[in-house]
C-alpha atoms as a PDB file:
ATOM      1  CA  MET A   1     120.590 125.266  98.723  1.00  0.00           C
ATOM      2  CA  ASN A   2     119.646 122.662 101.297  1.00  0.00           C
ATOM      3  CA  ARG A   3     118.533 122.615 104.886  1.00  0.00           C
ATOM      4  CA  ARG A   4     120.761 120.869 107.375  1.00  0.00           C
ATOM      5  CA  SER A   5     120.762 120.323 111.081  1.00  0.00           C
ATOM      6  CA  TYR A   6     122.831 118.587 113.697  1.00  0.00           C
ATOM      7  CA  LEU A   7     121.269 115.911 115.860  1.00  0.00           C
ATOM      8  CA  ALA A   8     123.011 115.147 119.138  1.00  0.00           C
ATOM      9  CA  SER A   9     122.235 111.830 120.796  1.00  0.00           C
ATOM     10  CA  ALA A  10     123.460 110.704 124.194  1.00  0.00           C
ATOM     11  CA  VAL A  11     125.049 107.293 124.412  1.00  0.00           C
ATOM     12  CA  ALA A  12     124.672 105.403 127.650  1.00  0.00           C
ATOM     13  CA  GLY A  13     127.692 103.670 129.069  1.00  0.00           C
ATOM     14  CA  VAL A  14     127.851 104.734 132.636  1.00  0.00           C
ATOM     15  CA  VAL A  15     130.450 102.858 134.576  1.00  0.00           C
ATOM     16  CA  GLY A  16     130.321 103.534 138.311  1.00  0.00           C
ATOM     17  CA  ALA A  17     130.044 107.322 138.699  1.00  0.00           C
ATOM     18  CA  SER A  18     131.058 108.142 135.099  1.00  0.00           C
ATOM     19  CA  ALA A  19     128.714 110.349 133.114  1.00  0.00           C
ATOM     20  CA  GLY A  20     128.879 108.436 129.831  1.00  0.00           C
ATOM     21  CA  CYS A  21     129.631 110.019 126.452  1.00  0.00           C
ATOM     22  CA  ALA A  22     127.877 111.655 123.527  1.00  0.00           C
ATOM     23  CA  TRP A  23     128.157 111.630 119.753  1.00  0.00           C
ATOM     24  CA  ALA A  24     126.844 113.917 117.044  1.00  0.00           C
ATOM     25  CA  ALA A  25     125.303 112.667 113.807  1.00  0.00           C
ATOM     26  CA  GLU A  26     125.093 115.233 111.031  1.00  0.00           C
ATOM     27  CA  THR A  27     121.753 115.220 109.263  1.00  0.00           C
ATOM     28  CA  TYR A  28     120.085 116.960 106.333  1.00  0.00           C
ATOM     29  CA  ARG A  29     116.533 117.871 105.459  1.00  0.00           C
ATOM     30  CA  ASN A  30     114.780 117.234 102.144  1.00  0.00           C
ATOM     31  CA  PRO A  31     114.712 118.732  99.594  1.00  0.00           C
ATOM     32  CA  VAL A  32     118.466 118.943  99.076  1.00  0.00           C
ATOM     33  CA  PHE A  33     118.075 121.490  96.254  1.00  0.00           C
ATOM     34  CA  GLU A  34     115.057 123.735  96.432  1.00  0.00           C
ATOM     35  CA  ARG A  35     114.928 125.114  92.911  1.00  0.00           C
ATOM     36  CA  VAL A  36     113.043 123.115  90.294  1.00  0.00           C
ATOM     37  CA  PHE A  37     115.310 120.219  89.347  1.00  0.00           C
ATOM     38  CA  ALA A  38     113.232 117.567  87.633  1.00  0.00           C
ATOM     39  CA  ASP A  39     114.283 114.151  86.276  1.00  0.00           C
ATOM     40  CA  PRO A  40     117.718 114.061  87.938  1.00  0.00           C
ATOM     41  CA  THR A  41     120.688 111.936  87.015  1.00  0.00           C
ATOM     42  CA  VAL A  42     124.160 111.900  88.554  1.00  0.00           C
ATOM     43  CA  VAL A  43     127.779 110.980  87.860  1.00  0.00           C
ATOM     44  CA  GLU A  44     130.785 110.933  90.220  1.00  0.00           C
ATOM     45  CA  ARG A  45     134.268 112.234  89.414  1.00  0.00           C
ATOM     46  CA  ASP A  46     137.206 112.379  91.861  1.00  0.00           C
ATOM     47  CA  GLY A  47     134.960 112.628  94.923  1.00  0.00           C
ATOM     48  CA  SER A  48     132.548 115.158  93.448  1.00  0.00           C
ATOM     49  CA  TYR A  49     129.038 114.421  92.223  1.00  0.00           C
ATOM     50  CA  TYR A  50     127.503 116.176  89.224  1.00  0.00           C
ATOM     51  CA  ALA A  51     123.725 116.130  88.801  1.00  0.00           C
ATOM     52  CA  TYR A  52     121.809 117.044  85.655  1.00  0.00           C
ATOM     53  CA  GLY A  53     118.126 117.846  85.257  1.00  0.00           C
ATOM     54  CA  THR A  54     115.416 118.789  82.789  1.00  0.00           C
ATOM     55  CA  TYR A  55     115.765 122.300  81.357  1.00  0.00           C
ATOM     56  CA  GLN A  56     114.196 125.055  83.506  1.00  0.00           C
ATOM     57  CA  ASP A  57     113.834 128.835  83.422  1.00  0.00           C
ATOM     58  CA  TRP A  58     114.231 129.356  87.207  1.00  0.00           C
ATOM     59  CA  GLY A  59     112.122 132.489  87.131  1.00  0.00           C
ATOM     60  CA  ASN A  60     113.506 133.886  83.870  1.00  0.00           C
ATOM     61  CA  PRO A  61     110.763 133.453  81.249  1.00  0.00           C
ATOM     62  CA  GLY A  62     112.167 132.914  77.792  1.00  0.00           C
ATOM     63  CA  ARG A  63     115.594 131.805  79.097  1.00  0.00           C
ATOM     64  CA  ARG A  64     115.554 128.152  80.031  1.00  0.00           C
ATOM     65  CA  ARG A  65     118.822 126.661  81.229  1.00  0.00           C
ATOM     66  CA  LEU A  66     119.843 124.000  78.724  1.00  0.00           C
ATOM     67  CA  ILE A  67     120.140 121.094  81.172  1.00  0.00           C
ATOM     68  CA  PRO A  68     121.265 122.657  84.472  1.00  0.00           C
ATOM     69  CA  ILE A  69     124.273 121.117  86.218  1.00  0.00           C
ATOM     70  CA  ILE A  70     124.874 121.185  89.980  1.00  0.00           C
ATOM     71  CA  ARG A  71     127.797 119.794  92.006  1.00  0.00           C
ATOM     72  CA  SER A  72     128.212 118.302  95.487  1.00  0.00           C
ATOM     73  CA  GLU A  73     130.820 116.457  97.525  1.00  0.00           C
ATOM     74  CA  ASN A  74     128.287 114.571  99.675  1.00  0.00           C
ATOM     75  CA  LEU A  75     125.009 114.362  97.663  1.00  0.00           C
ATOM     76  CA  VAL A  76     123.498 116.922 100.071  1.00  0.00           C
ATOM     77  CA  ASP A  77     125.144 120.338  99.566  1.00  0.00           C
ATOM     78  CA  TRP A  78     124.584 121.285  95.924  1.00  0.00           C
ATOM     79  CA  LYS A  79     125.840 124.322  94.021  1.00  0.00           C
ATOM     80  CA  TYR A  80     124.909 125.410  90.514  1.00  0.00           C
ATOM     81  CA  VAL A  81     127.903 125.204  88.153  1.00  0.00           C
ATOM     82  CA  GLY A  82     126.414 125.818  84.703  1.00  0.00           C
ATOM     83  CA  GLU A  83     124.481 124.146  81.929  1.00  0.00           C
ATOM     84  CA  ALA A  84     125.248 121.428  79.445  1.00  0.00           C
ATOM     85  CA  PHE A  85     124.881 123.503  76.265  1.00  0.00           C
ATOM     86  CA  GLU A  86     125.761 127.040  75.256  1.00  0.00           C
ATOM     87  CA  THR A  87     123.139 126.922  72.501  1.00  0.00           C
ATOM     88  CA  LYS A  88     120.150 124.673  72.045  1.00  0.00           C
ATOM     89  CA  PRO A  89     120.712 121.706  69.701  1.00  0.00           C
ATOM     90  CA  ASP A  90     119.008 122.385  66.383  1.00  0.00           C
ATOM     91  CA  TRP A  91     118.045 118.934  65.125  1.00  0.00           C
ATOM     92  CA  ARG A  92     114.420 119.546  66.119  1.00  0.00           C
ATOM     93  CA  GLU A  93     112.329 122.597  65.342  1.00  0.00           C
ATOM     94  CA  ARG A  94     110.391 122.483  68.609  1.00  0.00           C
ATOM     95  CA  GLY A  95     110.768 120.942  71.998  1.00  0.00           C
ATOM     96  CA  GLY A  96     112.655 120.945  75.259  1.00  0.00           C
ATOM     97  CA  LEU A  97     115.664 119.110  76.635  1.00  0.00           C
ATOM     98  CA  TRP A  98     114.295 116.643  79.162  1.00  0.00           C
ATOM     99  CA  ALA A  99     115.454 113.865  81.438  1.00  0.00           C
ATOM    100  CA  PRO A 100     119.181 113.434  80.696  1.00  0.00           C
ATOM    101  CA  ASP A 101     121.536 110.641  81.682  1.00  0.00           C
ATOM    102  CA  ILE A 102     125.327 110.553  81.689  1.00  0.00           C
ATOM    103  CA  GLY A 103     128.257 108.168  81.849  1.00  0.00           C
ATOM    104  CA  ARG A 104     131.922 107.898  80.947  1.00  0.00           C
ATOM    105  CA  LEU A 105     132.838 106.109  77.706  1.00  0.00           C
ATOM    106  CA  ALA A 106     136.065 106.027  75.701  1.00  0.00           C
ATOM    107  CA  GLY A 107     137.726 108.519  78.048  1.00  0.00           C
ATOM    108  CA  ARG A 108     135.069 111.232  77.939  1.00  0.00           C
ATOM    109  CA  TYR A 109     131.654 112.014  79.391  1.00  0.00           C
ATOM    110  CA  VAL A 110     128.683 111.104  77.221  1.00  0.00           C
ATOM    111  CA  LEU A 111     125.380 112.851  77.877  1.00  0.00           C
ATOM    112  CA  TYR A 112     122.097 111.468  76.555  1.00  0.00           C
ATOM    113  CA  TYR A 113     119.048 113.709  76.581  1.00  0.00           C
ATOM    114  CA  SER A 114     115.413 113.653  75.511  1.00  0.00           C
ATOM    115  CA  TYR A 115     114.418 116.199  72.870  1.00  0.00           C
ATOM    116  CA  ALA A 116     110.645 116.339  72.952  1.00  0.00           C
ATOM    117  CA  SER A 117     107.536 118.468  72.930  1.00  0.00           C
ATOM    118  CA  PHE A 118     104.016 117.885  74.167  1.00  0.00           C
ATOM    119  CA  GLN A 119     102.753 119.503  70.942  1.00  0.00           C
ATOM    120  CA  ALA A 120     104.986 117.871  68.287  1.00  0.00           C
ATOM    121  CA  GLY A 121     105.433 114.190  67.512  1.00  0.00           C
ATOM    122  CA  ASN A 122     108.481 112.020  66.871  1.00  0.00           C
ATOM    123  CA  PRO A 123     110.647 112.910  69.874  1.00  0.00           C
ATOM    124  CA  GLY A 124     114.109 111.473  70.093  1.00  0.00           C
ATOM    125  CA  ILE A 125     117.193 110.971  72.192  1.00  0.00           C
ATOM    126  CA  GLY A 126     120.276 113.072  71.491  1.00  0.00           C
ATOM    127  CA  VAL A 127     123.889 112.505  72.488  1.00  0.00           C
ATOM    128  CA  ALA A 128     126.666 114.932  73.411  1.00  0.00           C
ATOM    129  CA  THR A 129     130.215 114.644  74.767  1.00  0.00           C
ATOM    130  CA  SER A 130     132.621 116.577  76.973  1.00  0.00           C
ATOM    131  CA  ASN A 131     135.944 116.029  78.708  1.00  0.00           C
ATOM    132  CA  ASP A 132     134.537 117.750  81.800  1.00  0.00           C
ATOM    133  CA  PRO A 133     131.328 116.701  83.587  1.00  0.00           C
ATOM    134  CA  ALA A 134     130.693 120.393  84.306  1.00  0.00           C
ATOM    135  CA  GLY A 135     130.404 120.986  80.556  1.00  0.00           C
ATOM    136  CA  THR A 136     129.935 122.463  78.152  1.00  0.00           C
ATOM    137  CA  PHE A 137     129.045 119.520  75.890  1.00  0.00           C
ATOM    138  CA  ASP A 138     129.510 119.147  72.142  1.00  0.00           C
ATOM    139  CA  ASP A 139     126.290 117.913  70.561  1.00  0.00           C
ATOM    140  CA  HIS A 140     126.385 114.993  68.121  1.00  0.00           C
ATOM    141  CA  GLY A 141     122.723 115.165  67.141  1.00  0.00           C
ATOM    142  CA  PRO A 142     120.124 112.402  67.500  1.00  0.00           C
ATOM    143  CA  LEU A 143     121.063 108.900  68.586  1.00  0.00           C
ATOM    144  CA  PHE A 144     117.626 107.945  67.253  1.00  0.00           C
ATOM    145  CA  ARG A 145     114.089 109.272  66.901  1.00  0.00           C
ATOM    146  CA  SER A 146     110.861 107.525  67.851  1.00  0.00           C
ATOM    147  CA  ALA A 147     109.794 106.734  64.291  1.00  0.00           C
ATOM    148  CA  GLU A 148     113.083 105.150  63.232  1.00  0.00           C
ATOM    149  CA  ILE A 149     113.557 103.073  66.383  1.00  0.00           C
ATOM    150  CA  GLY A 150     109.899 101.957  66.433  1.00  0.00           C
ATOM    151  CA  VAL A 151     109.136 103.035  70.015  1.00  0.00           C
ATOM    152  CA  PRO A 152     106.511 105.775  70.510  1.00  0.00           C
ATOM    153  CA  HIS A 153     107.589 108.669  72.748  1.00  0.00           C
ATOM    154  CA  SER A 154     111.238 107.654  72.918  1.00  0.00           C
ATOM    155  CA  ILE A 155     112.530 109.692  75.859  1.00  0.00           C
ATOM    156  CA  ASP A 156     114.118 109.106  79.298  1.00  0.00           C
ATOM    157  CA  PRO A 157     117.493 107.539  78.420  1.00  0.00           C
ATOM    158  CA  CYS A 158     119.546 105.504  80.895  1.00  0.00           C
ATOM    159  CA  LEU A 159     123.102 104.309  80.204  1.00  0.00           C
ATOM    160  CA  LEU A 160     124.477 101.090  81.703  1.00  0.00           C
ATOM    161  CA  VAL A 161     127.927  99.699  80.975  1.00  0.00           C
ATOM    162  CA  HIS A 162     128.091  95.933  81.485  1.00  0.00           C
ATOM    163  CA  ARG A 163     131.431  94.146  81.128  1.00  0.00           C
ATOM    164  CA  GLY A 164     132.774  97.038  79.097  1.00  0.00           C
ATOM    165  CA  THR A 165     129.814  97.157  76.708  1.00  0.00           C
ATOM    166  CA  PRO A 166     127.439 100.149  76.874  1.00  0.00           C
ATOM    167  CA  PHE A 167     123.673  99.714  76.671  1.00  0.00           C
ATOM    168  CA  LEU A 168     120.922 102.321  76.599  1.00  0.00           C
ATOM    169  CA  PHE A 169     117.491 101.849  78.179  1.00  0.00           C
ATOM    170  CA  TRP A 170     114.620 104.225  77.406  1.00  0.00           C
ATOM    171  CA  GLY A 171     110.861 104.649  76.950  1.00  0.00           C
ATOM    172  CA  SER A 172     107.796 106.385  78.346  1.00  0.00           C
ATOM    173  CA  HIS A 173     104.476 104.611  78.975  1.00  0.00           C
ATOM    174  CA  ALA A 174     104.723 102.632  75.719  1.00  0.00           C
ATOM    175  CA  GLY A 175     107.183 100.080  77.088  1.00  0.00           C
ATOM    176  CA  ILE A 176     110.781 100.156  78.285  1.00  0.00           C
ATOM    177  CA  TYR A 177     113.412  99.029  75.800  1.00  0.00           C
ATOM    178  CA  GLY A 178     117.144  98.490  75.676  1.00  0.00           C
ATOM    179  CA  ILE A 179     119.733  98.487  72.914  1.00  0.00           C
ATOM    180  CA  ARG A 180     123.488  97.955  72.655  1.00  0.00           C
ATOM    181  CA  LEU A 181     125.680 100.956  71.838  1.00  0.00           C
ATOM    182  CA  SER A 182     129.024 101.349  70.105  1.00  0.00           C
ATOM    183  CA  ASP A 183     132.042 101.595  72.400  1.00  0.00           C
ATOM    184  CA  ASP A 184     132.030 105.397  72.145  1.00  0.00           C
ATOM    185  CA  GLY A 185     128.277 105.528  72.797  1.00  0.00           C
ATOM    186  CA  LEU A 186     127.491 107.557  69.677  1.00  0.00           C
ATOM    187  CA  ARG A 187     125.473 104.981  67.728  1.00  0.00           C
ATOM    188  CA  THR A 188     123.320 101.909  68.279  1.00  0.00           C
ATOM    189  CA  VAL A 189     124.433  98.365  67.497  1.00  0.00           C
ATOM    190  CA  GLY A 190     121.924  95.669  66.565  1.00  0.00           C
ATOM    191  CA  GLY A 191     118.254  95.548  67.440  1.00  0.00           C
ATOM    192  CA  LYS A 192     116.273  96.668  70.470  1.00  0.00           C
ATOM    193  CA  PHE A 193     114.840  94.410  73.184  1.00  0.00           C
ATOM    194  CA  GLN A 194     111.921  95.052  75.523  1.00  0.00           C
ATOM    195  CA  VAL A 195     112.189  94.764  79.313  1.00  0.00           C
ATOM    196  CA  ALA A 196     108.916  96.261  80.627  1.00  0.00           C
ATOM    197  CA  GLY A 197     105.387  96.843  79.384  1.00  0.00           C
ATOM    198  CA  GLU A 198     103.166  99.892  79.165  1.00  0.00           C
ATOM    199  CA  GLY A 199     102.514 102.422  81.912  1.00  0.00           C
ATOM    200  CA  VAL A 200     106.066 102.904  83.179  1.00  0.00           C
ATOM    201  CA  GLU A 201     108.782 105.426  82.283  1.00  0.00           C
ATOM    202  CA  ALA A 202     112.058 106.898  83.561  1.00  0.00           C
ATOM    203  CA  ALA A 203     114.018 103.643  83.537  1.00  0.00           C
ATOM    204  CA  TYR A 204     117.182 103.410  85.612  1.00  0.00           C
ATOM    205  CA  VAL A 205     119.104 100.123  85.584  1.00  0.00           C
ATOM    206  CA  ILE A 206     121.882  99.085  87.948  1.00  0.00           C
ATOM    207  CA  ARG A 207     123.770  95.885  88.656  1.00  0.00           C
ATOM    208  CA  ARG A 208     124.301  94.622  92.203  1.00  0.00           C
ATOM    209  CA  GLY A 209     126.028  91.304  92.677  1.00  0.00           C
ATOM    210  CA  ASP A 210     124.655  88.850  90.140  1.00  0.00           C
ATOM    211  CA  SER A 211     121.351  90.698  89.699  1.00  0.00           C
ATOM    212  CA  PHE A 212     120.129  93.611  87.600  1.00  0.00           C
ATOM    213  CA  TYR A 213     117.541  96.039  88.960  1.00  0.00           C
ATOM    214  CA  LEU A 214     115.190  98.066  86.783  1.00  0.00           C
ATOM    215  CA  PHE A 215     113.805 101.161  88.531  1.00  0.00           C
ATOM    216  CA  GLY A 216     110.933 103.016  86.888  1.00  0.00           C
ATOM    217  CA  SER A 217     108.151 105.480  87.611  1.00  0.00           C
ATOM    218  CA  ARG A 218     104.402 105.015  87.270  1.00  0.00           C
ATOM    219  CA  GLY A 219     101.492 107.445  87.622  1.00  0.00           C
ATOM    220  CA  THR A 220     101.227 111.152  86.842  1.00  0.00           C
ATOM    221  CA  CYS A 221     104.315 113.325  87.203  1.00  0.00           C
ATOM    222  CA  CYS A 222     103.269 116.924  86.663  1.00  0.00           C
ATOM    223  CA  GLU A 223     100.096 117.752  88.611  1.00  0.00           C
ATOM    224  CA  GLY A 224     101.694 119.320  91.664  1.00  0.00           C
ATOM    225  CA  ALA A 225     100.491 117.903  94.960  1.00  0.00           C
ATOM    226  CA  GLU A 226      97.921 115.811  93.064  1.00  0.00           C
ATOM    227  CA  SER A 227     100.638 113.878  91.225  1.00  0.00           C
ATOM    228  CA  THR A 228     100.517 110.108  91.683  1.00  0.00           C
ATOM    229  CA  TYR A 229     104.116 109.363  90.621  1.00  0.00           C
ATOM    230  CA  ARG A 230     105.816 106.508  92.445  1.00  0.00           C
ATOM    231  CA  VAL A 231     108.982 104.428  92.050  1.00  0.00           C
ATOM    232  CA  VAL A 232     108.729 100.749  91.155  1.00  0.00           C
ATOM    233  CA  VAL A 233     111.413  98.101  90.686  1.00  0.00           C
ATOM    234  CA  GLY A 234     111.982  94.728  89.079  1.00  0.00           C
ATOM    235  CA  ARG A 235     114.900  92.290  89.233  1.00  0.00           C
ATOM    236  CA  ALA A 236     116.533  90.015  86.646  1.00  0.00           C
ATOM    237  CA  ASN A 237     119.436  87.598  86.373  1.00  0.00           C
ATOM    238  CA  SER A 238     120.314  88.973  82.932  1.00  0.00           C
ATOM    239  CA  LEU A 239     120.629  92.527  81.644  1.00  0.00           C
ATOM    240  CA  ARG A 240     118.080  91.701  78.936  1.00  0.00           C
ATOM    241  CA  GLY A 241     115.623  90.279  81.429  1.00  0.00           C
ATOM    242  CA  PRO A 242     113.133  88.946  82.140  1.00  0.00           C
ATOM    243  CA  TYR A 243     112.614  91.491  84.922  1.00  0.00           C
ATOM    244  CA  ARG A 244     110.164  90.402  87.602  1.00  0.00           C
ATOM    245  CA  ASN A 245     108.534  91.983  90.635  1.00  0.00           C
ATOM    246  CA  ARG A 246     108.755  90.506  94.129  1.00  0.00           C
ATOM    247  CA  ASP A 247     105.797  88.260  93.341  1.00  0.00           C
ATOM    248  CA  GLY A 248     107.696  86.754  90.408  1.00  0.00           C
ATOM    249  CA  GLU A 249     105.540  88.402  87.738  1.00  0.00           C
ATOM    250  CA  ASN A 250     107.150  89.467  84.466  1.00  0.00           C
ATOM    251  CA  LEU A 251     107.241  93.251  84.029  1.00  0.00           C
ATOM    252  CA  LEU A 252     106.284  92.861  80.371  1.00  0.00           C
ATOM    253  CA  SER A 253     102.737  92.301  81.627  1.00  0.00           C
ATOM    254  CA  ALA A 254     102.834  93.181  85.337  1.00  0.00           C
ATOM    255  CA  THR A 255     103.796  96.250  87.347  1.00  0.00           C
ATOM    256  CA  GLY A 256     106.999  96.544  89.340  1.00  0.00           C
ATOM    257  CA  THR A 257     107.098  96.454  93.113  1.00  0.00           C
ATOM    258  CA  THR A 258     106.502  99.902  94.612  1.00  0.00           C
ATOM    259  CA  ILE A 259     109.388 101.051  96.814  1.00  0.00           C
ATOM    260  CA  LEU A 260     108.569 104.774  97.119  1.00  0.00           C
ATOM    261  CA  HIS A 261     105.307 106.716  96.998  1.00  0.00           C
ATOM    262  CA  GLY A 262     103.943 110.018  98.245  1.00  0.00           C
ATOM    263  CA  GLY A 263     103.508 110.732 101.931  1.00  0.00           C
ATOM    264  CA  GLU A 264     102.192 113.406 104.240  1.00  0.00           C
ATOM    265  CA  GLN A 265     104.859 116.015 103.413  1.00  0.00           C
ATOM    266  CA  PHE A 266     105.902 115.124  99.854  1.00  0.00           C
ATOM    267  CA  ALA A 267     103.893 114.056  96.806  1.00  0.00           C
ATOM    268  CA  GLY A 268     104.731 112.421  93.490  1.00  0.00           C
ATOM    269  CA  PRO A 269     108.242 111.044  94.104  1.00  0.00           C
ATOM    270  CA  GLY A 270     109.816 109.615  90.982  1.00  0.00           C
ATOM    271  CA  HIS A 271     112.236 109.667  88.060  1.00  0.00           C
ATOM    272  CA  CYS A 272     115.128 108.431  90.149  1.00  0.00           C
ATOM    273  CA  ALA A 273     118.844 107.855  89.754  1.00  0.00           C
ATOM    274  CA  VAL A 274     121.025 105.700  91.984  1.00  0.00           C
ATOM    275  CA  ALA A 275     124.421 106.840  93.287  1.00  0.00           C
ATOM    276  CA  ARG A 276     126.986 105.251  95.571  1.00  0.00           C
ATOM    277  CA  GLY A 277     127.505 107.742  98.386  1.00  0.00           C
ATOM    278  CA  PRO A 278     130.736 108.662 100.190  1.00  0.00           C
ATOM    279  CA  ASP A 279     129.674 106.148 102.847  1.00  0.00           C
ATOM    280  CA  GLY A 280     129.580 103.309 100.310  1.00  0.00           C
ATOM    281  CA  ASP A 281     125.791 102.932 100.496  1.00  0.00           C
ATOM    282  CA  ARG A 282     123.456 103.290  97.529  1.00  0.00           C
ATOM    283  CA  TRP A 283     121.391 106.477  97.563  1.00  0.00           C
ATOM    284  CA  LEU A 284     118.307 107.399  95.572  1.00  0.00           C
ATOM    285  CA  LEU A 285     118.147 110.852  93.966  1.00  0.00           C
ATOM    286  CA  TYR A 286     114.692 111.748  92.644  1.00  0.00           C
ATOM    287  CA  HIS A 287     112.240 114.604  92.345  1.00  0.00           C
ATOM    288  CA  ALA A 288     109.073 115.209  94.353  1.00  0.00           C
ATOM    289  CA  TYR A 289     106.701 118.005  95.397  1.00  0.00           C
ATOM    290  CA  GLU A 290     106.520 119.684  98.759  1.00  0.00           C
ATOM    291  CA  ARG A 291     102.785 119.600  99.411  1.00  0.00           C
ATOM    292  CA  SER A 292     102.987 123.008 101.075  1.00  0.00           C
ATOM    293  CA  ASN A 293     104.662 124.612  98.036  1.00  0.00           C
ATOM    294  CA  PRO A 294     104.036 122.576  94.858  1.00  0.00           C
ATOM    295  CA  TRP A 295     104.096 125.308  92.169  1.00  0.00           C
ATOM    296  CA  VAL A 296     106.263 128.174  90.920  1.00  0.00           C
ATOM    297  CA  GLY A 297     103.698 130.199  89.033  1.00  0.00           C
ATOM    298  CA  LYS A 298     102.362 127.700  86.484  1.00  0.00           C
ATOM    299  CA  MET A 299     105.503 125.562  86.701  1.00  0.00           C
ATOM    300  CA  PRO A 300     105.335 122.286  88.688  1.00  0.00           C
ATOM    301  CA  ARG A 301     107.892 122.673  91.493  1.00  0.00           C
ATOM    302  CA  ARG A 302     109.668 119.326  91.324  1.00  0.00           C
ATOM    303  CA  VAL A 303     112.555 119.579  93.795  1.00  0.00           C
ATOM    304  CA  LEU A 304     115.596 117.375  94.301  1.00  0.00           C
ATOM    305  CA  MET A 305     115.316 114.712  97.004  1.00  0.00           C
ATOM    306  CA  LEU A 306     117.693 112.181  98.526  1.00  0.00           C
ATOM    307  CA  ASP A 307     117.032 108.940 100.394  1.00  0.00           C
ATOM    308  CA  ARG A 308     119.131 105.914 101.259  1.00  0.00           C
ATOM    309  CA  LEU A 309     118.423 102.519  99.750  1.00  0.00           C
ATOM    310  CA  VAL A 310     118.654  99.491 101.992  1.00  0.00           C
ATOM    311  CA  TRP A 311     118.661  95.894 100.764  1.00  0.00           C
ATOM    312  CA  ARG A 312     116.406  93.232 102.225  1.00  0.00           C
ATOM    313  CA  ASN A 313     116.418  89.693 100.864  1.00  0.00           C
ATOM    314  CA  GLY A 314     118.024  90.901  97.661  1.00  0.00           C
ATOM    315  CA  TRP A 315     115.596  93.767  97.037  1.00  0.00           C
ATOM    316  CA  PRO A 316     116.070  97.547  97.345  1.00  0.00           C
ATOM    317  CA  VAL A 317     113.882  99.295  99.909  1.00  0.00           C
ATOM    318  CA  VAL A 318     113.370 102.939 100.842  1.00  0.00           C
ATOM    319  CA  PRO A 319     112.679 102.818 104.598  1.00  0.00           C
ATOM    320  CA  GLY A 320     109.065 103.765 105.229  1.00  0.00           C
ATOM    321  CA  LYS A 321     108.378 103.781 101.451  1.00  0.00           C
ATOM    322  CA  THR A 322     107.804 107.554 101.596  1.00  0.00           C
ATOM    323  CA  PRO A 323     110.263 110.460 101.206  1.00  0.00           C
ATOM    324  CA  SER A 324     112.114 111.295 104.403  1.00  0.00           C
ATOM    325  CA  ALA A 325     111.949 114.754 105.959  1.00  0.00           C
ATOM    326  CA  GLU A 326     115.322 114.314 107.686  1.00  0.00           C
ATOM    327  CA  HIS A 327     118.132 111.803 107.299  1.00  0.00           C
ATOM    328  CA  ARG A 328     121.798 111.385 108.156  1.00  0.00           C
ATOM    329  CA  VAL A 329     124.343 112.805 105.727  1.00  0.00           C
ATOM    330  CA  PRO A 330     126.188 110.124 103.697  1.00  0.00           C
ATOM    331  CA  THR A 331     129.668 110.625 105.139  1.00  0.00           C
ATOM    332  CA  ALA A 332     132.781 108.563 104.378  1.00  0.00           C
ATOM    333  CA  GLY A 333     133.763 106.172 107.134  1.00  0.00           C
ATOM    334  CA  ARG A 334     130.261 105.429 108.388  1.00  0.00           C
END
């Protein structure tokens, strides 16, 4: 479901009358999955990557896939393998399954998902488990709902395990919060803490060295080529913060540093996940719009994108700060 090419580059090295040599670098073109695949997250198992996205009908009105799952060995070539649930969880009367995240806890895969509706209040975050990342998952109901946790529009979960202890980050435009989880990830432990202020959503937290990095998205996500979504980041010395932008401003009152925004070919990049590729580098999976083809009927066509993160002076950077059209494939040994 992706577009790939092979780029041959000549390498000079002529000695006397020798003709030199050549090497071939395999490349791919964005998007890496052309069906709608919004709000991606990813987990790796035994050399395979499994990505999960917001529920979609893929051209079948009335039959939305209940968190589609796709698989790849290189983050580029993705194949559909199924969906997380056989039947829709029933702990809400209305709503869709949005923006999942996944990790491995207590010997099994734990999937967190948003259960929300634009029309009905009090959304929440559910939790499900499986022994296989390809599913299906057994639902355990709500981890919490907005009203009980005290955070409006509680969606967009992100799991981080730090020194063997799992934490969940979440929130959408009303602040980003974190909370400790039980060892099996099925309940919260203690009180919540806030790490970012209003106007940001889709938190994704990673640790690199002695620092923690909070990725988020700002702007509008669902207006096709007019979307203003962009990826921002803050850094902290502690998981609980304070997270600051590159200017040293606290994200409780300031915005993160923008590392990715729309460009000439793609609009509205955001809601990212970070994966370590086969090459050992960190790669950013996210959704965006092709400006030339931003809708499927009335559905925003948010497609799956991939770009490499580089690190400069302790900060993640997407080269060019806009989605790439073509890039090298993350291959082991490079």
